[in-house]
Amino acid sequence: KQILVPTKQVVIWECNTSDTTVKKWRAYPPEINTKIENAHIAKEESVTFVMNGADYTVDLTSSPPEQIRTATKKRREMRRKIKTTSQAKSPQEQNDWTVEPDIISSGTQRWIIP
């Protein structure tokens, strides 16, 4: 028989922090990640935030999106990753998940039970 089990999708915004051709992706802290994702969903052109004492703007109209440091105008490439989690060990434990950061959408996944 088949049982449908919910899965969760976690959206992770990352910034390329490398100044060389080798890309080094770093995820934003959860509260900034949420702010960027909310702006993306609302189809806003940009969003601002403060991180480590510096002001930044995210240009959501550029392709790919870019982080701009206000003081230096330094632009860094960004990307949006979607990670699907199905951490339940069995259908009975389907609601026992921990997911970070906190931007989550619901879906379904099929479990094949003999």
Foldseek 3Di string as FASTA:
>chain_A
DKDKFKKKKDKWKWWQPDPDPDTDTDTDALVVRVQVVVCVVVVHQWDWDADPNWIWIWGVPDVNIWIATPVPRDIIGMDMDMDMDQPQPDRVRRPVDDDPDDDIDIDIDMDDDD
